Amino acid sequence: MVEIEWSPTAENDLNELIDYIAQDSPHYASLFYEQVRKKVENLKQFPKLGRKTPELNNLNIRELNIGNYRLVYRIYEEKIQIIRIIHGSRILNI
């Protein structure tokens, strides 16, 4: 199993999303956080679970859909780095 590392940008993305969702519904913010946590846990055993990120020509940068959001990550030999969590309609810029 590989380890998971969150980039500072991805941590900020997650915190901002949780805060934004919680303004309307703390319950749904909690559910969203749990969805993210479960998807990230699955990556430990199945690093290639996500699809190749369309904007990039790099097989090691992949994404998982979580509701309307994209969790973008990079696969390294010994770890997975969560790069961003962005809205699905946005174009990824890294």
Protein backbone atom coordinates (compact mmCIF):
# COMPACT_ATOMS: atom_id res chain seq x y z
CA MET A 1 0.00 0.00 0.00
CA VAL A 2 1.19 3.49 -0.81
CA GLU A 3 0.98 6.56 1.41
CA ILE A 4 -1.20 9.57 0.67
CA GLU A 5 0.18 13.11 0.66
CA TRP A 6 -1.96 16.22 0.32
CA SER A 7 -0.47 19.24 -1.42
CA PRO A 8 -1.07 22.54 0.41
CA THR A 9 -3.25 23.63 -2.53
CA ALA A 10 -5.42 20.51 -2.29
CA GLU A 11 -5.79 20.93 1.48
CA ASN A 12 -6.88 24.52 0.89
CA ASP A 13 -9.30 23.43 -1.85
CA LEU A 14 -10.90 20.88 0.49
CA ASN A 15 -11.19 23.32 3.40
CA GLU A 16 -12.74 26.00 1.19
CA LEU A 17 -15.24 23.53 -0.28
CA ILE A 18 -16.26 22.21 3.13
CA ASP A 19 -16.71 25.78 4.42
CA TYR A 20 -18.72 26.75 1.33
CA ILE A 21 -21.03 23.73 1.53
CA ALA A 22 -21.43 24.15 5.30
CA GLN A 23 -22.84 27.66 4.83
CA ASP A 24 -26.01 26.05 3.46
CA SER A 25 -25.82 22.63 5.09
CA PRO A 26 -23.33 21.40 7.67
CA HIS A 27 -24.82 17.94 7.14
CA TYR A 28 -23.96 17.89 3.42
CA ALA A 29 -20.53 19.32 4.14
CA SER A 30 -19.91 16.37 6.44
CA LEU A 31 -21.19 13.92 3.82
CA PHE A 32 -18.94 15.46 1.17
CA TYR A 33 -15.92 15.18 3.47
CA GLU A 34 -16.71 11.50 4.09
CA GLN A 35 -16.98 10.86 0.34
CA VAL A 36 -13.57 12.45 -0.19
CA ARG A 37 -12.04 10.48 2.68
CA LYS A 38 -13.40 7.15 1.35
CA LYS A 39 -12.24 7.81 -2.22
CA VAL A 40 -8.76 8.74 -1.00
CA GLU A 41 -8.60 5.60 1.17
CA ASN A 42 -9.47 3.49 -1.91
CA LEU A 43 -6.50 5.00 -3.74
CA LYS A 44 -4.12 3.36 -1.26
CA GLN A 45 -5.01 -0.06 -2.65
CA PHE A 46 -6.04 0.94 -6.16
CA PRO A 47 -3.87 3.89 -7.29
CA LYS A 48 -5.09 3.72 -10.89
CA LEU A 49 -8.74 3.82 -9.86
CA GLY A 50 -9.29 7.24 -11.43
CA ARG A 51 -9.32 8.15 -15.10
CA LYS A 52 -6.53 9.96 -16.91
CA THR A 53 -6.99 13.71 -16.56
CA PRO A 54 -8.18 14.95 -19.99
CA GLU A 55 -6.26 18.26 -20.00
CA LEU A 56 -2.91 16.64 -19.35
CA ASN A 57 -0.90 14.14 -21.32
CA ASN A 58 0.44 12.33 -18.27
CA LEU A 59 -0.72 8.83 -17.30
CA ASN A 60 0.42 9.40 -13.71
CA ILE A 61 -1.97 12.31 -13.18
CA ARG A 62 -5.47 10.99 -12.71
CA GLU A 63 -8.79 12.12 -11.30
CA LEU A 64 -11.80 10.82 -9.43
CA ASN A 65 -15.24 12.39 -9.61
CA ILE A 66 -16.89 13.18 -6.31
CA GLY A 67 -20.30 14.69 -6.98
CA ASN A 68 -19.66 17.79 -9.09
CA TYR A 69 -15.98 17.91 -8.15
CA ARG A 70 -12.76 16.44 -9.47
CA LEU A 71 -10.13 15.10 -7.09
CA VAL A 72 -6.88 15.25 -9.07
CA TYR A 73 -3.88 13.21 -7.96
CA ARG A 74 -0.42 12.18 -9.10
CA ILE A 75 0.90 8.63 -8.76
CA TYR A 76 4.50 8.25 -7.62
CA GLU A 77 6.30 4.99 -6.91
CA GLU A 78 5.87 5.14 -3.12
CA LYS A 79 3.06 7.66 -2.69
CA ILE A 80 0.01 9.33 -4.13
CA GLN A 81 -0.14 13.11 -3.98
CA ILE A 82 -3.53 14.79 -3.98
CA ILE A 83 -2.98 17.85 -6.17
CA ARG A 84 -6.35 19.64 -6.40
CA ILE A 85 -10.06 19.38 -5.78
CA ILE A 86 -11.88 21.55 -8.29
CA HIS A 87 -15.37 21.91 -9.72
CA GLY A 88 -15.98 19.59 -12.65
CA SER A 89 -16.70 22.49 -15.02
CA ARG A 90 -13.28 24.06 -14.43
CA ILE A 91 -10.24 23.38 -16.57
CA LEU A 92 -7.33 22.06 -14.55
CA ASN A 93 -4.31 24.34 -14.40
CA ILE A 94 -1.27 22.95 -12.58
